[in-house]
């Protein structure tokens, strides 16, 4: 198998995990859970740091154009899912359906706001992430992966968290502005902590991909 085909395989694998994580995060986002008994968040929050890690890996090997194309594709698929859910929510269930209209709406009705917020936040935060990551990479070359990964995540996660939670929970009057500011701040801190804890996985992913496709610029990574 030649170098080009190996790169294609890696891109497909990373893209598959990227899109799957994004769509699953949308579908489960209507469930709110408490962390440490302190703050409330959508259960989907646990998946978004993984998405930003995948963003950094894709950017590392396929550049900002690769990330942008995948972002647009993912946004398109999320919008498609939104349309499917909208249609499903407006088709009456039969009297013998194991899932009633009320139950279906309780689960996926709230997800509609999550999806709207996520599409907006996802598009904006990904552009921010790519821009900052690229600036760091131009300055550091192939060194200091942790710096560009963390630096881009610090800003992009902030943008993503506050936009999505405002649209998903403030606009439908689920949270007051005070609750929003408290929960979004805690949520941002939580996502940032997870992203930092995932830095070793970025190095591991970078190393394994490097071995597989054997890029010439693998050496000199710190």
C-alpha atoms as a PDB file:
ATOM      1  CA  UNK A   1       0.000   0.000   0.000  1.00  0.00           C
ATOM      2  CA  UNK A   2       1.501   3.333  -0.983  1.00  0.00           C
ATOM      3  CA  UNK A   3       1.827   6.485   1.131  1.00  0.00           C
ATOM      4  CA  UNK A   4      -1.166   8.246  -0.404  1.00  0.00           C
ATOM      5  CA  UNK A   5      -3.559   5.372   0.260  1.00  0.00           C
ATOM      6  CA  UNK A   6      -2.389   5.121   3.862  1.00  0.00           C
ATOM      7  CA  UNK A   7      -3.119   8.798   4.374  1.00  0.00           C
ATOM      8  CA  UNK A   8      -6.584   8.278   2.895  1.00  0.00           C
ATOM      9  CA  UNK A   9      -7.250   5.419   5.330  1.00  0.00           C
ATOM     10  CA  UNK A  10      -6.132   7.515   8.302  1.00  0.00           C
ATOM     11  CA  UNK A  11      -8.351  10.395   7.199  1.00  0.00           C
ATOM     12  CA  UNK A  12     -11.368   8.099   6.847  1.00  0.00           C
ATOM     13  CA  UNK A  13     -10.800   6.629  10.336  1.00  0.00           C
ATOM     14  CA  UNK A  14     -10.362  10.032  11.981  1.00  0.00           C
ATOM     15  CA  UNK A  15     -13.319  11.460  10.052  1.00  0.00           C
ATOM     16  CA  UNK A  16     -15.485   8.503  11.078  1.00  0.00           C
ATOM     17  CA  UNK A  17     -14.789   9.035  14.774  1.00  0.00           C
ATOM     18  CA  UNK A  18     -15.133  12.804  14.359  1.00  0.00           C
ATOM     19  CA  UNK A  19     -18.570  12.658  12.723  1.00  0.00           C
ATOM     20  CA  UNK A  20     -19.843   9.867  14.995  1.00  0.00           C
ATOM     21  CA  UNK A  21     -18.861  11.751  18.154  1.00  0.00           C
ATOM     22  CA  UNK A  22     -20.513  14.944  16.903  1.00  0.00           C
ATOM     23  CA  UNK A  23     -23.802  13.268  15.968  1.00  0.00           C
ATOM     24  CA  UNK A  24     -24.001  11.134  19.133  1.00  0.00           C
ATOM     25  CA  UNK A  25     -23.299  14.245  21.244  1.00  0.00           C
ATOM     26  CA  UNK A  26     -26.291  15.924  19.598  1.00  0.00           C
ATOM     27  CA  UNK A  27     -28.639  12.982  20.134  1.00  0.00           C
ATOM     28  CA  UNK A  28     -27.826  12.489  23.814  1.00  0.00           C
ATOM     29  CA  UNK A  29     -27.521  16.214  24.541  1.00  0.00           C
ATOM     30  CA  UNK A  30     -31.034  16.608  25.948  1.00  0.00           C
ATOM     31  CA  UNK A  31     -30.129  14.686  29.111  1.00  0.00           C
ATOM     32  CA  UNK A  32     -28.790  16.920  31.884  1.00  0.00           C
ATOM     33  CA  UNK A  33     -26.507  15.517  34.567  1.00  0.00           C
ATOM     34  CA  UNK A  34     -24.747  16.972  37.594  1.00  0.00           C
ATOM     35  CA  UNK A  35     -20.988  16.867  37.968  1.00  0.00           C
ATOM     36  CA  UNK A  36     -19.658  16.553  41.510  1.00  0.00           C
ATOM     37  CA  UNK A  37     -22.978  17.912  42.771  1.00  0.00           C
ATOM     38  CA  UNK A  38     -21.834  21.403  41.751  1.00  0.00           C
ATOM     39  CA  UNK A  39     -22.894  22.197  38.193  1.00  0.00           C
ATOM     40  CA  UNK A  40     -25.330  20.914  35.586  1.00  0.00           C
ATOM     41  CA  UNK A  41     -24.410  20.044  32.018  1.00  0.00           C
ATOM     42  CA  UNK A  42     -25.668  18.129  29.036  1.00  0.00           C
ATOM     43  CA  UNK A  43     -24.294  14.590  29.047  1.00  0.00           C
ATOM     44  CA  UNK A  44     -23.040  15.301  25.529  1.00  0.00           C
ATOM     45  CA  UNK A  45     -20.333  17.516  26.996  1.00  0.00           C
ATOM     46  CA  UNK A  46     -18.103  14.495  27.611  1.00  0.00           C
ATOM     47  CA  UNK A  47     -17.750  13.928  23.855  1.00  0.00           C
ATOM     48  CA  UNK A  48     -16.803  17.431  22.694  1.00  0.00           C
ATOM     49  CA  UNK A  49     -13.223  17.438  24.047  1.00  0.00           C
ATOM     50  CA  UNK A  50     -12.652  14.261  22.019  1.00  0.00           C
ATOM     51  CA  UNK A  51     -13.892  16.077  18.918  1.00  0.00           C
ATOM     52  CA  UNK A  52     -11.395  18.887  19.472  1.00  0.00           C
ATOM     53  CA  UNK A  53      -8.585  16.359  19.959  1.00  0.00           C
ATOM     54  CA  UNK A  54      -9.545  14.753  16.653  1.00  0.00           C
ATOM     55  CA  UNK A  55      -9.606  18.232  15.102  1.00  0.00           C
ATOM     56  CA  UNK A  56      -6.012  18.785  16.167  1.00  0.00           C
ATOM     57  CA  UNK A  57      -4.880  15.407  14.805  1.00  0.00           C
ATOM     58  CA  UNK A  58      -6.604  16.039  11.481  1.00  0.00           C
ATOM     59  CA  UNK A  59      -5.091  19.521  11.326  1.00  0.00           C
ATOM     60  CA  UNK A  60      -1.680  18.074  12.091  1.00  0.00           C
ATOM     61  CA  UNK A  61      -1.695  15.721   9.113  1.00  0.00           C
ATOM     62  CA  UNK A  62      -4.202  17.181   6.654  1.00  0.00           C
ATOM     63  CA  UNK A  63      -4.024  20.895   7.371  1.00  0.00           C
ATOM     64  CA  UNK A  64      -6.716  23.490   7.854  1.00  0.00           C
ATOM     65  CA  UNK A  65      -8.362  22.653   4.519  1.00  0.00           C
ATOM     66  CA  UNK A  66      -8.915  19.078   5.674  1.00  0.00           C
ATOM     67  CA  UNK A  67     -10.471  20.275   8.937  1.00  0.00           C
ATOM     68  CA  UNK A  68     -12.666  22.842   7.194  1.00  0.00           C
ATOM     69  CA  UNK A  69     -14.001  20.329   4.678  1.00  0.00           C
ATOM     70  CA  UNK A  70     -14.750  17.805   7.422  1.00  0.00           C
ATOM     71  CA  UNK A  71     -16.393  20.524   9.531  1.00  0.00           C
ATOM     72  CA  UNK A  72     -18.697  21.521   6.669  1.00  0.00           C
ATOM     73  CA  UNK A  73     -19.583  17.879   6.004  1.00  0.00           C
ATOM     74  CA  UNK A  74     -20.333  17.281   9.692  1.00  0.00           C
ATOM     75  CA  UNK A  75     -22.449  20.429   9.930  1.00  0.00           C
ATOM     76  CA  UNK A  76     -24.374  19.289   6.857  1.00  0.00           C
ATOM     77  CA  UNK A  77     -25.000  15.869   8.408  1.00  0.00           C
ATOM     78  CA  UNK A  78     -26.137  17.440  11.683  1.00  0.00           C
ATOM     79  CA  UNK A  79     -28.587  19.647   9.774  1.00  0.00           C
ATOM     80  CA  UNK A  80     -29.798  16.550   7.917  1.00  0.00           C
ATOM     81  CA  UNK A  81     -30.320  14.797  11.264  1.00  0.00           C
ATOM     82  CA  UNK A  82     -32.227  17.870  12.476  1.00  0.00           C
ATOM     83  CA  UNK A  83     -34.596  17.612   9.506  1.00  0.00           C
ATOM     84  CA  UNK A  84     -35.125  13.885  10.080  1.00  0.00           C
ATOM     85  CA  UNK A  85     -35.912  14.478  13.757  1.00  0.00           C
ATOM     86  CA  UNK A  86     -38.268  17.322  12.866  1.00  0.00           C
ATOM     87  CA  UNK A  87     -40.190  15.042  10.492  1.00  0.00           C
ATOM     88  CA  UNK A  88     -40.216  12.164  13.009  1.00  0.00           C
ATOM     89  CA  UNK A  89     -41.497  14.451  15.775  1.00  0.00           C
ATOM     90  CA  UNK A  90     -44.440  15.503  13.622  1.00  0.00           C
ATOM     91  CA  UNK A  91     -45.526  12.027  12.512  1.00  0.00           C
ATOM     92  CA  UNK A  92     -48.071  10.611  15.015  1.00  0.00           C
ATOM     93  CA  UNK A  93     -47.221   7.305  16.688  1.00  0.00           C
ATOM     94  CA  UNK A  94     -49.640   4.391  16.479  1.00  0.00           C
ATOM     95  CA  UNK A  95     -51.680   3.456  19.541  1.00  0.00           C
ATOM     96  CA  UNK A  96     -49.542   0.318  20.007  1.00  0.00           C
ATOM     97  CA  UNK A  97     -46.153   2.021  19.545  1.00  0.00           C
ATOM     98  CA  UNK A  98     -43.782   1.072  22.397  1.00  0.00           C
ATOM     99  CA  UNK A  99     -42.578   4.705  22.341  1.00  0.00           C
ATOM    100  CA  UNK A 100     -45.368   7.257  22.675  1.00  0.00           C
ATOM    101  CA  UNK A 101     -45.381  10.676  21.039  1.00  0.00           C
ATOM    102  CA  UNK A 102     -44.916  12.256  24.462  1.00  0.00           C
ATOM    103  CA  UNK A 103     -41.910  10.109  25.339  1.00  0.00           C
ATOM    104  CA  UNK A 104     -40.354  10.609  21.899  1.00  0.00           C
ATOM    105  CA  UNK A 105     -40.809  14.354  22.142  1.00  0.00           C
ATOM    106  CA  UNK A 106     -39.394  14.452  25.676  1.00  0.00           C
ATOM    107  CA  UNK A 107     -36.192  12.797  24.466  1.00  0.00           C
ATOM    108  CA  UNK A 108     -35.669  14.370  21.058  1.00  0.00           C
ATOM    109  CA  UNK A 109     -37.643  17.607  21.365  1.00  0.00           C
ATOM    110  CA  UNK A 110     -35.057  19.180  23.647  1.00  0.00           C
ATOM    111  CA  UNK A 111     -32.312  17.836  21.384  1.00  0.00           C
ATOM    112  CA  UNK A 112     -33.608  20.126  18.644  1.00  0.00           C
ATOM    113  CA  UNK A 113     -32.390  23.157  20.579  1.00  0.00           C
ATOM    114  CA  UNK A 114     -29.116  21.361  21.313  1.00  0.00           C
ATOM    115  CA  UNK A 115     -28.662  20.704  17.607  1.00  0.00           C
ATOM    116  CA  UNK A 116     -29.366  24.315  16.586  1.00  0.00           C
ATOM    117  CA  UNK A 117     -26.947  25.610  19.202  1.00  0.00           C
ATOM    118  CA  UNK A 118     -24.319  23.038  18.338  1.00  0.00           C
ATOM    119  CA  UNK A 119     -24.376  23.740  14.606  1.00  0.00           C
ATOM    120  CA  UNK A 120     -23.757  27.437  15.226  1.00  0.00           C
ATOM    121  CA  UNK A 121     -21.198  26.873  17.988  1.00  0.00           C
ATOM    122  CA  UNK A 122     -19.482  24.033  16.133  1.00  0.00           C
ATOM    123  CA  UNK A 123     -18.936  26.067  12.976  1.00  0.00           C
ATOM    124  CA  UNK A 124     -17.604  29.118  14.809  1.00  0.00           C
ATOM    125  CA  UNK A 125     -15.410  27.212  17.275  1.00  0.00           C
ATOM    126  CA  UNK A 126     -13.883  24.998  14.582  1.00  0.00           C
ATOM    127  CA  UNK A 127     -12.850  28.038  12.548  1.00  0.00           C
ATOM    128  CA  UNK A 128     -11.306  29.550  15.681  1.00  0.00           C
ATOM    129  CA  UNK A 129      -9.564  26.272  16.572  1.00  0.00           C
ATOM    130  CA  UNK A 130      -8.079  25.854  13.100  1.00  0.00           C
ATOM    131  CA  UNK A 131      -6.901  29.460  12.954  1.00  0.00           C
ATOM    132  CA  UNK A 132      -5.125  29.372  16.324  1.00  0.00           C
ATOM    133  CA  UNK A 133      -3.701  25.866  15.760  1.00  0.00           C
ATOM    134  CA  UNK A 134      -2.277  26.940  12.388  1.00  0.00           C
ATOM    135  CA  UNK A 135      -0.700  30.076  13.873  1.00  0.00           C
ATOM    136  CA  UNK A 136       0.978  28.024  16.594  1.00  0.00           C
ATOM    137  CA  UNK A 137       2.197  25.438  14.092  1.00  0.00           C
ATOM    138  CA  UNK A 138       3.723  28.094  11.848  1.00  0.00           C
ATOM    139  CA  UNK A 139       5.632  29.368  14.879  1.00  0.00           C
ATOM    140  CA  UNK A 140       6.700  26.011  16.353  1.00  0.00           C
ATOM    141  CA  UNK A 141       6.966  23.729  13.317  1.00  0.00           C
ATOM    142  CA  UNK A 142       6.642  20.085  14.339  1.00  0.00           C
ATOM    143  CA  UNK A 143       7.605  20.799  17.948  1.00  0.00           C
ATOM    144  CA  UNK A 144       5.410  21.427  20.974  1.00  0.00           C
ATOM    145  CA  UNK A 145       2.264  19.584  19.928  1.00  0.00           C
ATOM    146  CA  UNK A 146       0.881  20.126  23.433  1.00  0.00           C
ATOM    147  CA  UNK A 147       1.194  23.911  23.043  1.00  0.00           C
ATOM    148  CA  UNK A 148      -0.766  24.261  19.820  1.00  0.00           C
ATOM    149  CA  UNK A 149      -3.311  21.628  20.871  1.00  0.00           C
ATOM    150  CA  UNK A 150      -3.934  23.282  24.244  1.00  0.00           C
ATOM    151  CA  UNK A 151      -3.747  26.845  22.950  1.00  0.00           C
ATOM    152  CA  UNK A 152      -6.324  26.269  20.232  1.00  0.00           C
ATOM    153  CA  UNK A 153      -8.586  24.309  22.575  1.00  0.00           C
ATOM    154  CA  UNK A 154      -8.563  26.959  25.317  1.00  0.00           C
ATOM    155  CA  UNK A 155     -10.166  29.511  22.996  1.00  0.00           C
ATOM    156  CA  UNK A 156     -12.327  27.259  20.811  1.00  0.00           C
ATOM    157  CA  UNK A 157     -13.864  25.440  23.794  1.00  0.00           C
ATOM    158  CA  UNK A 158     -14.749  28.791  25.360  1.00  0.00           C
ATOM    159  CA  UNK A 159     -16.541  29.903  22.191  1.00  0.00           C
ATOM    160  CA  UNK A 160     -18.261  26.547  21.744  1.00  0.00           C
ATOM    161  CA  UNK A 161     -19.462  26.182  25.343  1.00  0.00           C
ATOM    162  CA  UNK A 162     -21.030  29.612  25.754  1.00  0.00           C
ATOM    163  CA  UNK A 163     -22.697  29.716  22.325  1.00  0.00           C
ATOM    164  CA  UNK A 164     -24.223  26.239  22.461  1.00  0.00           C
ATOM    165  CA  UNK A 165     -25.465  26.523  26.039  1.00  0.00           C
ATOM    166  CA  UNK A 166     -27.013  29.942  25.460  1.00  0.00           C
ATOM    167  CA  UNK A 167     -28.959  28.734  22.431  1.00  0.00           C
ATOM    168  CA  UNK A 168     -29.806  25.309  23.898  1.00  0.00           C
ATOM    169  CA  UNK A 169     -30.875  26.338  27.387  1.00  0.00           C
ATOM    170  CA  UNK A 170     -31.419  30.104  27.658  1.00  0.00           C
ATOM    171  CA  UNK A 171     -33.447  30.659  24.487  1.00  0.00           C
ATOM    172  CA  UNK A 172     -35.971  27.866  25.317  1.00  0.00           C
ATOM    173  CA  UNK A 173     -36.123  29.254  28.895  1.00  0.00           C
ATOM    174  CA  UNK A 174     -34.615  26.156  30.514  1.00  0.00           C
ATOM    175  CA  UNK A 175     -32.038  28.261  32.371  1.00  0.00           C
ATOM    176  CA  UNK A 176     -31.986  31.825  33.650  1.00  0.00           C
ATOM    177  CA  UNK A 177     -29.069  34.025  32.606  1.00  0.00           C
ATOM    178  CA  UNK A 178     -27.510  33.543  36.025  1.00  0.00           C
ATOM    179  CA  UNK A 179     -27.784  29.749  35.753  1.00  0.00           C
ATOM    180  CA  UNK A 180     -26.343  29.945  32.253  1.00  0.00           C
ATOM    181  CA  UNK A 181     -23.265  31.910  33.329  1.00  0.00           C
ATOM    182  CA  UNK A 182     -22.585  29.574  36.248  1.00  0.00           C
ATOM    183  CA  UNK A 183     -23.144  26.320  34.354  1.00  0.00           C
ATOM    184  CA  UNK A 184     -21.369  27.477  31.186  1.00  0.00           C
ATOM    185  CA  UNK A 185     -18.333  28.587  33.196  1.00  0.00           C
ATOM    186  CA  UNK A 186     -18.144  25.275  35.046  1.00  0.00           C
ATOM    187  CA  UNK A 187     -18.783  23.424  31.796  1.00  0.00           C
ATOM    188  CA  UNK A 188     -15.949  25.255  30.077  1.00  0.00           C
ATOM    189  CA  UNK A 189     -13.608  24.441  32.939  1.00  0.00           C
ATOM    190  CA  UNK A 190     -14.633  20.780  32.814  1.00  0.00           C
ATOM    191  CA  UNK A 191     -14.149  20.524  29.045  1.00  0.00           C
ATOM    192  CA  UNK A 192     -10.799  22.250  29.299  1.00  0.00           C
ATOM    193  CA  UNK A 193      -9.673  19.839  32.016  1.00  0.00           C
ATOM    194  CA  UNK A 194     -10.695  16.843  29.900  1.00  0.00           C
ATOM    195  CA  UNK A 195      -8.919  18.319  26.875  1.00  0.00           C
ATOM    196  CA  UNK A 196      -5.711  18.721  28.895  1.00  0.00           C
ATOM    197  CA  UNK A 197      -5.990  15.160  30.211  1.00  0.00           C
ATOM    198  CA  UNK A 198      -6.353  13.978  26.610  1.00  0.00           C
ATOM    199  CA  UNK A 199      -3.052  15.564  25.487  1.00  0.00           C
ATOM    200  CA  UNK A 200      -1.148  12.253  25.953  1.00  0.00           C
ATOM    201  CA  UNK A 201      -3.645  10.673  23.542  1.00  0.00           C
ATOM    202  CA  UNK A 202      -2.793  13.336  20.952  1.00  0.00           C
ATOM    203  CA  UNK A 203       0.865  12.339  21.263  1.00  0.00           C
ATOM    204  CA  UNK A 204      -0.064   8.660  21.104  1.00  0.00           C
ATOM    205  CA  UNK A 205      -2.232   9.240  18.046  1.00  0.00           C
ATOM    206  CA  UNK A 206       0.472  11.330  16.411  1.00  0.00           C
ATOM    207  CA  UNK A 207       3.051   8.617  17.090  1.00  0.00           C
ATOM    208  CA  UNK A 208       0.889   5.737  15.805  1.00  0.00           C
ATOM    209  CA  UNK A 209      -0.163   7.622  12.689  1.00  0.00           C
ATOM    210  CA  UNK A 210       3.465   8.581  12.106  1.00  0.00           C
ATOM    211  CA  UNK A 211       4.551   4.948  12.275  1.00  0.00           C
ATOM    212  CA  UNK A 212       1.763   3.916   9.927  1.00  0.00           C
ATOM    213  CA  UNK A 213       2.262   6.485   7.206  1.00  0.00           C
ATOM    214  CA  UNK A 214       5.937   7.287   8.041  1.00  0.00           C
ATOM    215  CA  UNK A 215       5.901  11.027   7.294  1.00  0.00           C
ATOM    216  CA  UNK A 216       9.298  12.615   6.757  1.00  0.00           C
ATOM    217  CA  UNK A 217       8.580  15.326   9.326  1.00  0.00           C
ATOM    218  CA  UNK A 218       7.904  12.976  12.259  1.00  0.00           C
ATOM    219  CA  UNK A 219      11.334  13.596  13.781  1.00  0.00           C
ATOM    220  CA  UNK A 220      11.834  16.607  15.981  1.00  0.00           C
ATOM    221  CA  UNK A 221       8.440  16.344  17.710  1.00  0.00           C
ATOM    222  CA  UNK A 222       8.515  17.370  21.371  1.00  0.00           C
END
